[in-house]
Amino acid sequence: VQVKGKIAGKQYALYEILVERGDKWNVTLKSSNNYIGYTVKDAKGNRYDFLEDSPVSGYYVIRVELNSTGAKSKQPANFTLDIKFEMEKSKPISD
């Protein structure tokens, strides 16, 4: 999944994704603005600055925002968020 967006000042963008325990996923944020970043929170509210195999099933929230220096500048920041999944193997429901 690729998402394009734009934020400025204290604005932020939220993306909610349903993930199953054990799914492998990766998020890459691209922007020409050096003050932009993202964080991830799992379904229990635990925060991740990096991604690993999903420890719990549920909705994960990716928050894209500017740090305090970027927010003060009020300059718009265009960004592209690439989200890639590798789902855990499962058995078919019926044969």
Protein backbone atom coordinates (compact mmCIF):
# COMPACT_ATOMS: atom_id res chain seq x y z
CA VAL A 1 0.00 0.00 0.00
CA GLN A 2 1.30 3.45 -0.83
CA VAL A 3 -0.26 6.56 0.70
CA LYS A 4 0.60 10.14 -0.23
CA GLY A 5 -0.18 13.03 2.05
CA LYS A 6 0.73 16.52 3.19
CA ILE A 7 0.90 18.04 6.67
CA ALA A 8 2.00 21.39 8.08
CA GLY A 9 2.41 22.91 11.54
CA LYS A 10 0.89 20.73 14.25
CA GLN A 11 -1.19 18.70 11.81
CA TYR A 12 -0.74 14.94 11.72
CA ALA A 13 -1.98 12.04 9.64
CA LEU A 14 -3.31 8.79 11.16
CA TYR A 15 -3.58 5.45 9.36
CA GLU A 16 -5.25 2.46 11.00
CA ILE A 17 -4.39 -1.06 9.82
CA LEU A 18 -5.80 -4.42 10.93
CA VAL A 19 -2.90 -6.78 11.64
CA GLU A 20 -2.86 -10.37 12.88
CA ARG A 21 -0.36 -11.60 15.46
CA GLY A 22 2.81 -12.80 13.72
CA ASP A 23 2.33 -10.78 10.54
CA LYS A 24 5.54 -9.21 9.29
CA TRP A 25 5.24 -5.69 8.03
CA ASN A 26 7.38 -2.71 7.19
CA VAL A 27 6.72 1.02 6.93
CA THR A 28 8.89 3.42 4.96
CA LEU A 29 8.34 7.18 5.09
CA LYS A 30 9.72 9.31 2.24
CA SER A 31 9.77 13.10 2.31
CA SER A 32 12.07 15.94 1.33
CA ASN A 33 11.30 17.47 4.76
CA ASN A 34 13.87 16.35 7.35
CA TYR A 35 11.56 17.18 10.29
CA ILE A 36 8.92 14.55 9.54
CA GLY A 37 8.63 11.15 11.19
CA TYR A 38 6.21 8.44 12.24
CA THR A 39 5.37 6.22 15.19
CA VAL A 40 3.30 3.07 15.46
CA LYS A 41 0.98 2.00 18.29
CA ASP A 42 -0.44 -1.50 18.57
CA ALA A 43 -3.93 -2.51 19.66
CA LYS A 44 -2.90 -2.37 23.33
CA GLY A 45 -1.41 1.14 23.01
CA ASN A 46 2.25 0.06 23.05
CA ARG A 47 4.42 2.38 20.98
CA TYR A 48 7.02 1.22 18.46
CA ASP A 49 9.73 3.36 16.88
CA PHE A 50 10.59 0.42 14.65
CA LEU A 51 8.55 -2.51 13.38
CA GLU A 52 8.89 -6.19 14.12
CA ASP A 53 6.61 -9.21 13.82
CA SER A 54 3.23 -8.14 15.18
CA PRO A 55 3.09 -9.15 18.86
CA VAL A 56 -0.71 -8.85 19.10
CA SER A 57 -3.67 -8.95 16.72
CA GLY A 58 -5.77 -5.85 16.26
CA TYR A 59 -5.73 -2.38 14.79
CA TYR A 60 -2.35 -0.65 14.64
CA VAL A 61 -2.15 3.11 14.20
CA ILE A 62 0.60 4.84 12.22
CA ARG A 63 0.95 8.52 13.09
CA VAL A 64 2.90 10.81 10.73
CA GLU A 65 3.86 14.21 12.14
CA LEU A 66 6.46 16.96 12.17
CA ASN A 67 8.80 17.40 15.11
CA SER A 68 8.68 20.69 17.06
CA THR A 69 11.14 22.46 14.72
CA GLY A 70 9.15 21.42 11.65
CA ALA A 71 5.86 22.38 13.28
CA LYS A 72 7.14 25.87 14.12
CA SER A 73 8.21 26.46 10.52
CA LYS A 74 4.61 25.86 9.34
CA GLN A 75 6.03 24.79 5.98
CA PRO A 76 3.96 22.07 4.30
CA ALA A 77 5.59 18.64 4.16
CA ASN A 78 4.61 16.26 1.37
CA PHE A 79 5.19 12.60 2.17
CA THR A 80 4.77 9.09 0.85
CA LEU A 81 4.15 6.22 3.23
CA ASP A 82 4.91 2.71 1.89
CA ILE A 83 3.36 -0.11 3.94
CA LYS A 84 4.33 -3.70 3.06
CA PHE A 85 2.90 -6.88 4.59
CA GLU A 86 3.95 -10.51 4.73
CA MET A 87 1.10 -12.40 6.33
CA GLU A 88 1.64 -15.43 8.49
CA LYS A 89 0.94 -18.72 6.66
CA SER A 90 -2.38 -20.30 7.56
CA LYS A 91 -4.30 -23.44 6.71
CA PRO A 92 -7.22 -23.29 4.27
CA ILE A 93 -10.67 -23.12 5.85
CA SER A 94 -11.82 -26.07 3.72
CA ASP A 95 -10.17 -28.43 1.27
